[in-house]
């Protein structure tokens, strides 16, 4: 099938801009927590804020990937590789970031429980 007629007047795919945003958000949400985790060993609040930002970026990556795939499918084109990569990266990052926040919450609760049992609190 020739997709030449399904493209926008400027020669781009209809969802290409959304696919690029999706890929940037998806990869950024994967890389962001790992970049700042070594730099913020002493500041747990900063790690939590960065994880929340990464979760927002992962959700945006998933949303923009769905938008790009829908725009491409509407004109009869295949879903683009960038949109698929952004979707996969966004889903993986979202799962990892939610697990990281759950682990931090468990550690905080465990420390608070031990400190409370020891009479420190």
C-alpha atoms as a PDB file:
ATOM      1  CA  UNK A   1       0.000   0.000   0.000  1.00  0.00           C
ATOM      2  CA  UNK A   2       1.380   3.362  -0.947  1.00  0.00           C
ATOM      3  CA  UNK A   3       1.158   5.790   1.990  1.00  0.00           C
ATOM      4  CA  UNK A   4       2.132   8.748  -0.149  1.00  0.00           C
ATOM      5  CA  UNK A   5      -1.460   9.958  -0.344  1.00  0.00           C
ATOM      6  CA  UNK A   6      -2.119   9.518   3.381  1.00  0.00           C
ATOM      7  CA  UNK A   7       0.481  12.024   4.497  1.00  0.00           C
ATOM      8  CA  UNK A   8      -0.034  15.612   5.459  1.00  0.00           C
ATOM      9  CA  UNK A   9       0.728  18.302   2.907  1.00  0.00           C
ATOM     10  CA  UNK A  10       4.182  18.882   4.409  1.00  0.00           C
ATOM     11  CA  UNK A  11       5.080  15.206   3.870  1.00  0.00           C
ATOM     12  CA  UNK A  12       4.986  14.108   7.507  1.00  0.00           C
ATOM     13  CA  UNK A  13       2.942  11.453   9.181  1.00  0.00           C
ATOM     14  CA  UNK A  14      -0.101  12.870  10.974  1.00  0.00           C
ATOM     15  CA  UNK A  15       1.041  11.668  14.418  1.00  0.00           C
ATOM     16  CA  UNK A  16       4.761  12.270  14.060  1.00  0.00           C
ATOM     17  CA  UNK A  17       4.951  15.233  16.438  1.00  0.00           C
ATOM     18  CA  UNK A  18       3.018  13.347  19.112  1.00  0.00           C
ATOM     19  CA  UNK A  19       5.229  10.307  18.561  1.00  0.00           C
ATOM     20  CA  UNK A  20       8.376  12.381  19.117  1.00  0.00           C
ATOM     21  CA  UNK A  21       6.942  13.878  22.311  1.00  0.00           C
ATOM     22  CA  UNK A  22       5.919  10.391  23.446  1.00  0.00           C
ATOM     23  CA  UNK A  23       9.376   8.982  22.851  1.00  0.00           C
ATOM     24  CA  UNK A  24      11.068  11.874  24.671  1.00  0.00           C
ATOM     25  CA  UNK A  25       8.726  11.576  27.655  1.00  0.00           C
ATOM     26  CA  UNK A  26       9.005   7.784  27.776  1.00  0.00           C
ATOM     27  CA  UNK A  27      12.795   7.683  27.610  1.00  0.00           C
ATOM     28  CA  UNK A  28      13.105  10.676  29.923  1.00  0.00           C
ATOM     29  CA  UNK A  29      10.902   9.033  32.528  1.00  0.00           C
ATOM     30  CA  UNK A  30      13.117   5.949  32.387  1.00  0.00           C
ATOM     31  CA  UNK A  31      16.391   7.856  32.648  1.00  0.00           C
ATOM     32  CA  UNK A  32      15.458  10.700  35.012  1.00  0.00           C
ATOM     33  CA  UNK A  33      15.293   8.743  38.306  1.00  0.00           C
ATOM     34  CA  UNK A  34      18.560   6.948  37.572  1.00  0.00           C
ATOM     35  CA  UNK A  35      20.406  10.167  36.750  1.00  0.00           C
ATOM     36  CA  UNK A  36      19.490  11.878  39.989  1.00  0.00           C
ATOM     37  CA  UNK A  37      19.484   8.875  42.349  1.00  0.00           C
ATOM     38  CA  UNK A  38      23.265   8.947  42.796  1.00  0.00           C
ATOM     39  CA  UNK A  39      23.375  12.718  43.186  1.00  0.00           C
ATOM     40  CA  UNK A  40      20.773  12.890  45.938  1.00  0.00           C
ATOM     41  CA  UNK A  41      21.859  10.216  48.424  1.00  0.00           C
ATOM     42  CA  UNK A  42      21.263  12.503  51.406  1.00  0.00           C
ATOM     43  CA  UNK A  43      17.998  14.069  50.301  1.00  0.00           C
ATOM     44  CA  UNK A  44      15.098  11.616  50.193  1.00  0.00           C
ATOM     45  CA  UNK A  45      12.590  14.365  49.430  1.00  0.00           C
ATOM     46  CA  UNK A  46      14.380  15.213  46.183  1.00  0.00           C
ATOM     47  CA  UNK A  47      14.270  11.557  45.128  1.00  0.00           C
ATOM     48  CA  UNK A  48      10.531  11.459  45.799  1.00  0.00           C
ATOM     49  CA  UNK A  49       9.935  14.648  43.798  1.00  0.00           C
ATOM     50  CA  UNK A  50      11.981  13.312  40.882  1.00  0.00           C
ATOM     51  CA  UNK A  51      10.018  10.044  40.979  1.00  0.00           C
ATOM     52  CA  UNK A  52       6.733  11.961  40.843  1.00  0.00           C
ATOM     53  CA  UNK A  53       8.032  14.001  37.879  1.00  0.00           C
ATOM     54  CA  UNK A  54       9.069  10.748  36.185  1.00  0.00           C
ATOM     55  CA  UNK A  55       5.585   9.299  36.748  1.00  0.00           C
ATOM     56  CA  UNK A  56       3.995  12.380  35.165  1.00  0.00           C
ATOM     57  CA  UNK A  57       6.402  12.116  32.206  1.00  0.00           C
ATOM     58  CA  UNK A  58       5.587   8.405  31.815  1.00  0.00           C
ATOM     59  CA  UNK A  59       1.855   9.126  31.788  1.00  0.00           C
ATOM     60  CA  UNK A  60       2.371  11.898  29.228  1.00  0.00           C
ATOM     61  CA  UNK A  61       4.429   9.480  27.128  1.00  0.00           C
ATOM     62  CA  UNK A  62       1.611   6.946  27.163  1.00  0.00           C
ATOM     63  CA  UNK A  63      -1.016   9.582  26.314  1.00  0.00           C
ATOM     64  CA  UNK A  64       0.977  11.058  23.425  1.00  0.00           C
ATOM     65  CA  UNK A  65       1.773   7.573  22.085  1.00  0.00           C
ATOM     66  CA  UNK A  66      -1.921   6.702  22.038  1.00  0.00           C
ATOM     67  CA  UNK A  67      -2.666  10.013  20.309  1.00  0.00           C
ATOM     68  CA  UNK A  68       0.020   9.408  17.663  1.00  0.00           C
ATOM     69  CA  UNK A  69      -1.089   5.834  17.029  1.00  0.00           C
ATOM     70  CA  UNK A  70      -4.718   6.943  16.720  1.00  0.00           C
ATOM     71  CA  UNK A  71      -3.798   9.742  14.274  1.00  0.00           C
ATOM     72  CA  UNK A  72      -1.821   7.336  12.104  1.00  0.00           C
ATOM     73  CA  UNK A  73      -4.534   4.685  12.149  1.00  0.00           C
ATOM     74  CA  UNK A  74      -7.187   7.260  11.208  1.00  0.00           C
ATOM     75  CA  UNK A  75      -5.546   7.792   7.815  1.00  0.00           C
ATOM     76  CA  UNK A  76      -4.839   4.103   7.260  1.00  0.00           C
ATOM     77  CA  UNK A  77      -1.165   4.094   8.192  1.00  0.00           C
ATOM     78  CA  UNK A  78       0.619   1.715  10.532  1.00  0.00           C
ATOM     79  CA  UNK A  79       1.360   2.832  14.055  1.00  0.00           C
ATOM     80  CA  UNK A  80       4.787   4.423  13.974  1.00  0.00           C
ATOM     81  CA  UNK A  81       7.839   2.908  15.610  1.00  0.00           C
ATOM     82  CA  UNK A  82       8.501   6.029  17.675  1.00  0.00           C
ATOM     83  CA  UNK A  83       4.984   5.959  19.085  1.00  0.00           C
ATOM     84  CA  UNK A  84       5.309   2.277  19.950  1.00  0.00           C
ATOM     85  CA  UNK A  85       8.698   2.846  21.574  1.00  0.00           C
ATOM     86  CA  UNK A  86       7.306   5.779  23.563  1.00  0.00           C
ATOM     87  CA  UNK A  87       4.372   3.657  24.686  1.00  0.00           C
ATOM     88  CA  UNK A  88       6.589   0.780  25.810  1.00  0.00           C
ATOM     89  CA  UNK A  89       9.081   3.075  27.577  1.00  0.00           C
ATOM     90  CA  UNK A  90       6.242   4.946  29.266  1.00  0.00           C
ATOM     91  CA  UNK A  91       4.607   1.762  30.546  1.00  0.00           C
ATOM     92  CA  UNK A  92       7.887   0.304  31.819  1.00  0.00           C
ATOM     93  CA  UNK A  93       8.845   3.598  33.491  1.00  0.00           C
ATOM     94  CA  UNK A  94       5.421   3.951  35.091  1.00  0.00           C
ATOM     95  CA  UNK A  95       5.601   0.469  36.598  1.00  0.00           C
ATOM     96  CA  UNK A  96       9.173   0.957  37.846  1.00  0.00           C
ATOM     97  CA  UNK A  97       8.455   4.385  39.322  1.00  0.00           C
ATOM     98  CA  UNK A  98       5.326   3.228  41.124  1.00  0.00           C
ATOM     99  CA  UNK A  99       7.282   0.278  42.539  1.00  0.00           C
ATOM    100  CA  UNK A 100      10.075   2.633  43.640  1.00  0.00           C
ATOM    101  CA  UNK A 101       7.628   4.890  45.478  1.00  0.00           C
ATOM    102  CA  UNK A 102       6.002   1.846  47.098  1.00  0.00           C
ATOM    103  CA  UNK A 103       9.429   0.639  48.262  1.00  0.00           C
ATOM    104  CA  UNK A 104      10.280   4.065  49.702  1.00  0.00           C
ATOM    105  CA  UNK A 105       6.937   4.114  51.513  1.00  0.00           C
ATOM    106  CA  UNK A 106       7.601   0.641  52.952  1.00  0.00           C
ATOM    107  CA  UNK A 107      11.049   1.680  54.173  1.00  0.00           C
ATOM    108  CA  UNK A 108       9.656   4.835  55.777  1.00  0.00           C
ATOM    109  CA  UNK A 109       6.938   2.825  57.531  1.00  0.00           C
ATOM    110  CA  UNK A 110       9.447   0.213  58.701  1.00  0.00           C
ATOM    111  CA  UNK A 111      11.809   2.848  60.085  1.00  0.00           C
ATOM    112  CA  UNK A 112       8.947   4.638  61.798  1.00  0.00           C
ATOM    113  CA  UNK A 113       7.760   1.345  63.290  1.00  0.00           C
ATOM    114  CA  UNK A 114      11.206   0.417  64.607  1.00  0.00           C
ATOM    115  CA  UNK A 115      11.774   3.924  65.949  1.00  0.00           C
ATOM    116  CA  UNK A 116       8.347   3.904  67.601  1.00  0.00           C
ATOM    117  CA  UNK A 117       8.941   0.512  69.175  1.00  0.00           C
ATOM    118  CA  UNK A 118      12.296   1.677  70.498  1.00  0.00           C
ATOM    119  CA  UNK A 119      10.674   4.719  72.090  1.00  0.00           C
ATOM    120  CA  UNK A 120      12.537   7.202  69.928  1.00  0.00           C
ATOM    121  CA  UNK A 121       9.400   8.809  68.527  1.00  0.00           C
END
